[in-house]
Amino acid sequence: DDEDAAVEEEKEDDKKKTKTVERTVWDWDLLNTVKPVWSRKPSEVDDKDYLEFYKSITRSSEEPLGHIHFNAEGEVTFKSILYVPKTAPHDALSSYGKKVDHIKLYVRRVFITDDFSDMMPKYLSFIRGVVDSDDLPLNVSRENLQQHKLLKVIKRKLVR
């Protein structure tokens, strides 16, 4: 009898050692597979994409007069799309010299700000667009970023 009892206890111990554990497994689906317009090569983007992008960043229904899409390399590397609107803003003369926010700054495809008063000279304040740089730091405040030396190089290259 004692041997049978010992065998039964061992069988019960074996059953206790193997238990089922529920485990949660996350399955992620990538929803947005489209690259931003400014990060693609200009040869890969058609006029329809440029028009849709212009309308989305300006909240305008009219087409732009023209655009330029370029990648600048050298001291600083950045990608940019700049648009010239077909008509001047209705308050172009009355708001001359005031702060305008028509150029949006991205760092590594993360929106930083559109509140740069010195991004373009006052005489080019009507130009709209996007600038994306991989060289600017992400972990500094916007105030420090405005004084960054690479930003001054970007401003010079945008005016050209």
C-alpha atoms as a PDB file:
ATOM      1  CA  ASP A   1       0.000   0.000   0.000  1.00  0.00           C
ATOM      2  CA  ASP A   2       2.778   2.404   0.862  1.00  0.00           C
ATOM      3  CA  GLU A   3       4.355   1.886  -2.547  1.00  0.00           C
ATOM      4  CA  ASP A   4       1.046   2.615  -4.312  1.00  0.00           C
ATOM      5  CA  ALA A   5       0.601   5.778  -2.272  1.00  0.00           C
ATOM      6  CA  ALA A   6       4.111   6.940  -3.127  1.00  0.00           C
ATOM      7  CA  VAL A   7       3.535   6.280  -6.818  1.00  0.00           C
ATOM      8  CA  GLU A   8       0.257   8.218  -6.744  1.00  0.00           C
ATOM      9  CA  GLU A   9       1.952  11.195  -5.052  1.00  0.00           C
ATOM     10  CA  GLU A  10       4.674  11.233  -7.724  1.00  0.00           C
ATOM     11  CA  LYS A  11       2.029  11.221 -10.485  1.00  0.00           C
ATOM     12  CA  GLU A  12       0.243  14.144  -8.869  1.00  0.00           C
ATOM     13  CA  ASP A  13       3.548  16.058  -8.628  1.00  0.00           C
ATOM     14  CA  ASP A  14       4.176  15.485 -12.354  1.00  0.00           C
ATOM     15  CA  LYS A  15       0.775  16.913 -13.184  1.00  0.00           C
ATOM     16  CA  LYS A  16       1.428  20.028 -11.119  1.00  0.00           C
ATOM     17  CA  LYS A  17       4.742  20.751 -12.861  1.00  0.00           C
ATOM     18  CA  THR A  18       3.172  21.179 -16.281  1.00  0.00           C
ATOM     19  CA  LYS A  19       0.684  24.019 -16.264  1.00  0.00           C
ATOM     20  CA  THR A  20      -0.652  26.129 -19.086  1.00  0.00           C
ATOM     21  CA  VAL A  21       0.129  29.820 -19.120  1.00  0.00           C
ATOM     22  CA  GLU A  22      -1.882  32.276 -21.180  1.00  0.00           C
ATOM     23  CA  ARG A  23       0.305  34.643 -23.110  1.00  0.00           C
ATOM     24  CA  THR A  24      -0.781  37.761 -24.959  1.00  0.00           C
ATOM     25  CA  VAL A  25       0.744  38.165 -28.403  1.00  0.00           C
ATOM     26  CA  TRP A  26       0.463  41.529 -30.168  1.00  0.00           C
ATOM     27  CA  ASP A  27       0.089  41.527 -33.919  1.00  0.00           C
ATOM     28  CA  TRP A  28       0.775  44.962 -35.405  1.00  0.00           C
ATOM     29  CA  ASP A  29      -0.470  46.117 -38.778  1.00  0.00           C
ATOM     30  CA  LEU A  30       1.211  49.038 -40.543  1.00  0.00           C
ATOM     31  CA  LEU A  31      -1.577  51.384 -41.627  1.00  0.00           C
ATOM     32  CA  ASN A  32       0.317  54.189 -43.343  1.00  0.00           C
ATOM     33  CA  THR A  33       2.781  52.796 -45.855  1.00  0.00           C
ATOM     34  CA  VAL A  34       3.101  55.980 -47.926  1.00  0.00           C
ATOM     35  CA  LYS A  35       6.304  57.997 -47.554  1.00  0.00           C
ATOM     36  CA  PRO A  36       5.963  61.776 -47.187  1.00  0.00           C
ATOM     37  CA  VAL A  37       5.993  63.643 -50.499  1.00  0.00           C
ATOM     38  CA  TRP A  38       9.145  65.594 -49.643  1.00  0.00           C
ATOM     39  CA  SER A  39      11.127  62.470 -48.750  1.00  0.00           C
ATOM     40  CA  ARG A  40      10.526  60.813 -52.119  1.00  0.00           C
ATOM     41  CA  LYS A  41      12.634  61.492 -55.182  1.00  0.00           C
ATOM     42  CA  PRO A  42      11.233  64.255 -57.409  1.00  0.00           C
ATOM     43  CA  SER A  43      11.051  61.805 -60.327  1.00  0.00           C
ATOM     44  CA  GLU A  44       8.727  59.522 -58.309  1.00  0.00           C
ATOM     45  CA  VAL A  45       6.192  62.256 -57.484  1.00  0.00           C
ATOM     46  CA  ASP A  46       3.637  63.308 -60.087  1.00  0.00           C
ATOM     47  CA  ASP A  47       1.858  66.667 -60.401  1.00  0.00           C
ATOM     48  CA  LYS A  48      -1.305  65.336 -58.768  1.00  0.00           C
ATOM     49  CA  ASP A  49       0.634  64.471 -55.587  1.00  0.00           C
ATOM     50  CA  TYR A  50       2.253  67.907 -55.519  1.00  0.00           C
ATOM     51  CA  LEU A  51      -1.154  69.568 -55.934  1.00  0.00           C
ATOM     52  CA  GLU A  52      -2.785  67.492 -53.175  1.00  0.00           C
ATOM     53  CA  PHE A  53       0.124  68.182 -50.845  1.00  0.00           C
ATOM     54  CA  TYR A  54      -0.040  71.928 -51.536  1.00  0.00           C
ATOM     55  CA  LYS A  55      -3.744  71.995 -50.802  1.00  0.00           C
ATOM     56  CA  SER A  56      -3.230  70.080 -47.568  1.00  0.00           C
ATOM     57  CA  ILE A  57      -0.493  72.332 -46.159  1.00  0.00           C
ATOM     58  CA  THR A  58      -2.067  75.628 -47.248  1.00  0.00           C
ATOM     59  CA  ARG A  59      -5.754  74.777 -46.776  1.00  0.00           C
ATOM     60  CA  SER A  60      -6.326  76.401 -50.142  1.00  0.00           C
ATOM     61  CA  SER A  61      -8.498  75.259 -53.012  1.00  0.00           C
ATOM     62  CA  GLU A  62      -6.472  76.829 -55.817  1.00  0.00           C
ATOM     63  CA  GLU A  63      -3.412  75.476 -57.565  1.00  0.00           C
ATOM     64  CA  PRO A  64       0.070  76.896 -56.970  1.00  0.00           C
ATOM     65  CA  LEU A  65       1.850  78.923 -59.627  1.00  0.00           C
ATOM     66  CA  GLY A  66       4.898  76.683 -59.346  1.00  0.00           C
ATOM     67  CA  HIS A  67       6.925  74.496 -57.057  1.00  0.00           C
ATOM     68  CA  ILE A  68      10.485  73.357 -56.507  1.00  0.00           C
ATOM     69  CA  HIS A  69      11.419  70.040 -54.927  1.00  0.00           C
ATOM     70  CA  PHE A  70      15.061  69.585 -54.034  1.00  0.00           C
ATOM     71  CA  ASN A  71      17.528  67.797 -51.793  1.00  0.00           C
ATOM     72  CA  ALA A  72      20.385  69.901 -50.459  1.00  0.00           C
ATOM     73  CA  GLU A  73      23.615  68.271 -49.397  1.00  0.00           C
ATOM     74  CA  GLY A  74      26.829  69.718 -48.052  1.00  0.00           C
ATOM     75  CA  GLU A  75      27.230  71.330 -44.634  1.00  0.00           C
ATOM     76  CA  VAL A  76      23.689  70.290 -43.855  1.00  0.00           C
ATOM     77  CA  THR A  77      21.449  67.748 -45.565  1.00  0.00           C
ATOM     78  CA  PHE A  78      17.776  68.530 -45.986  1.00  0.00           C
ATOM     79  CA  LYS A  79      14.844  67.897 -48.295  1.00  0.00           C
ATOM     80  CA  SER A  80      12.421  70.605 -49.240  1.00  0.00           C
ATOM     81  CA  ILE A  81       9.368  71.437 -51.310  1.00  0.00           C
ATOM     82  CA  LEU A  82       8.598  75.124 -51.819  1.00  0.00           C
ATOM     83  CA  TYR A  83       5.478  76.475 -53.510  1.00  0.00           C
ATOM     84  CA  VAL A  84       4.676  79.848 -55.056  1.00  0.00           C
ATOM     85  CA  PRO A  85       0.943  80.603 -54.664  1.00  0.00           C
ATOM     86  CA  LYS A  86      -0.977  81.724 -57.738  1.00  0.00           C
ATOM     87  CA  THR A  87      -2.412  84.777 -55.974  1.00  0.00           C
ATOM     88  CA  ALA A  88      -0.937  86.933 -53.242  1.00  0.00           C
ATOM     89  CA  PRO A  89      -2.517  86.677 -49.791  1.00  0.00           C
ATOM     90  CA  HIS A  90      -5.330  89.197 -49.316  1.00  0.00           C
ATOM     91  CA  ASP A  91      -3.438  90.878 -46.465  1.00  0.00           C
ATOM     92  CA  ALA A  92       0.008  90.763 -48.074  1.00  0.00           C
ATOM     93  CA  LEU A  93       0.669  94.503 -47.854  1.00  0.00           C
ATOM     94  CA  SER A  94      -0.994  95.139 -44.500  1.00  0.00           C
ATOM     95  CA  SER A  95       0.845  92.271 -42.793  1.00  0.00           C
ATOM     96  CA  TYR A  96       4.275  92.997 -44.301  1.00  0.00           C
ATOM     97  CA  GLY A  97       6.928  92.650 -41.627  1.00  0.00           C
ATOM     98  CA  LYS A  98       4.717  90.621 -39.324  1.00  0.00           C
ATOM     99  CA  LYS A  99       5.471  87.053 -38.344  1.00  0.00           C
ATOM    100  CA  VAL A 100       4.219  84.505 -40.860  1.00  0.00           C
ATOM    101  CA  ASP A 101       4.297  80.757 -40.555  1.00  0.00           C
ATOM    102  CA  HIS A 102       4.292  79.394 -44.084  1.00  0.00           C
ATOM    103  CA  ILE A 103       7.370  77.138 -43.892  1.00  0.00           C
ATOM    104  CA  LYS A 104       6.971  74.000 -41.793  1.00  0.00           C
ATOM    105  CA  LEU A 105      10.118  72.546 -40.233  1.00  0.00           C
ATOM    106  CA  TYR A 106      10.480  68.802 -39.744  1.00  0.00           C
ATOM    107  CA  VAL A 107      13.419  66.949 -38.217  1.00  0.00           C
ATOM    108  CA  ARG A 108      13.615  63.298 -39.283  1.00  0.00           C
ATOM    109  CA  ARG A 109       9.995  63.465 -40.468  1.00  0.00           C
ATOM    110  CA  VAL A 110       8.794  64.709 -37.060  1.00  0.00           C
ATOM    111  CA  PHE A 111       6.984  68.059 -37.144  1.00  0.00           C
ATOM    112  CA  ILE A 112       8.850  70.631 -35.066  1.00  0.00           C
ATOM    113  CA  THR A 113       7.310  74.022 -35.777  1.00  0.00           C
ATOM    114  CA  ASP A 114       5.994  76.437 -38.350  1.00  0.00           C
ATOM    115  CA  ASP A 115       6.678  79.426 -36.102  1.00  0.00           C
ATOM    116  CA  PHE A 116       9.958  80.585 -37.635  1.00  0.00           C
ATOM    117  CA  SER A 117       9.903  84.276 -38.372  1.00  0.00           C
ATOM    118  CA  ASP A 118      13.380  84.234 -39.939  1.00  0.00           C
ATOM    119  CA  MET A 119      13.092  81.110 -42.094  1.00  0.00           C
ATOM    120  CA  MET A 120      12.535  83.211 -45.218  1.00  0.00           C
ATOM    121  CA  PRO A 121      13.303  86.904 -45.790  1.00  0.00           C
ATOM    122  CA  LYS A 122      10.363  89.288 -45.558  1.00  0.00           C
ATOM    123  CA  TYR A 123      10.259  89.817 -49.332  1.00  0.00           C
ATOM    124  CA  LEU A 124       9.707  86.039 -49.793  1.00  0.00           C
ATOM    125  CA  SER A 125       7.117  85.686 -47.036  1.00  0.00           C
ATOM    126  CA  PHE A 126       4.455  84.502 -49.504  1.00  0.00           C
ATOM    127  CA  ILE A 127       6.308  81.230 -50.224  1.00  0.00           C
ATOM    128  CA  ARG A 128       4.829  78.090 -48.661  1.00  0.00           C
ATOM    129  CA  GLY A 129       6.502  74.767 -48.092  1.00  0.00           C
ATOM    130  CA  VAL A 130       8.179  72.102 -46.020  1.00  0.00           C
ATOM    131  CA  VAL A 131      11.790  71.629 -44.900  1.00  0.00           C
ATOM    132  CA  ASP A 132      12.942  68.315 -43.422  1.00  0.00           C
ATOM    133  CA  SER A 133      16.458  67.880 -42.067  1.00  0.00           C
ATOM    134  CA  ASP A 134      18.134  64.836 -40.569  1.00  0.00           C
ATOM    135  CA  ASP A 135      21.058  66.867 -39.201  1.00  0.00           C
ATOM    136  CA  LEU A 136      19.200  69.038 -36.689  1.00  0.00           C
ATOM    137  CA  PRO A 137      18.889  67.752 -33.106  1.00  0.00           C
ATOM    138  CA  LEU A 138      15.509  66.506 -31.915  1.00  0.00           C
ATOM    139  CA  ASN A 139      16.129  66.789 -28.188  1.00  0.00           C
ATOM    140  CA  VAL A 140      16.444  70.571 -27.848  1.00  0.00           C
ATOM    141  CA  SER A 141      13.811  73.222 -27.294  1.00  0.00           C
ATOM    142  CA  ARG A 142      12.344  75.200 -30.177  1.00  0.00           C
ATOM    143  CA  GLU A 143      13.998  78.390 -28.899  1.00  0.00           C
ATOM    144  CA  ASN A 144      17.443  76.786 -28.970  1.00  0.00           C
ATOM    145  CA  LEU A 145      16.722  75.292 -32.383  1.00  0.00           C
ATOM    146  CA  GLN A 146      15.985  78.735 -33.843  1.00  0.00           C
ATOM    147  CA  GLN A 147      19.511  79.823 -32.916  1.00  0.00           C
ATOM    148  CA  HIS A 148      21.132  76.648 -34.268  1.00  0.00           C
ATOM    149  CA  LYS A 149      23.949  77.257 -36.779  1.00  0.00           C
ATOM    150  CA  LEU A 150      22.709  74.577 -39.202  1.00  0.00           C
ATOM    151  CA  LEU A 151      19.364  76.374 -39.421  1.00  0.00           C
ATOM    152  CA  LYS A 152      21.153  79.496 -40.649  1.00  0.00           C
ATOM    153  CA  VAL A 153      22.751  77.409 -43.411  1.00  0.00           C
ATOM    154  CA  ILE A 154      19.320  76.027 -44.364  1.00  0.00           C
ATOM    155  CA  LYS A 155      17.896  79.571 -44.542  1.00  0.00           C
ATOM    156  CA  ARG A 156      20.700  80.632 -46.894  1.00  0.00           C
ATOM    157  CA  LYS A 157      20.145  77.643 -49.188  1.00  0.00           C
ATOM    158  CA  LEU A 158      16.372  78.162 -49.292  1.00  0.00           C
ATOM    159  CA  VAL A 159      16.759  81.728 -50.525  1.00  0.00           C
ATOM    160  CA  ARG A 160      18.981  80.601 -53.412  1.00  0.00           C
END
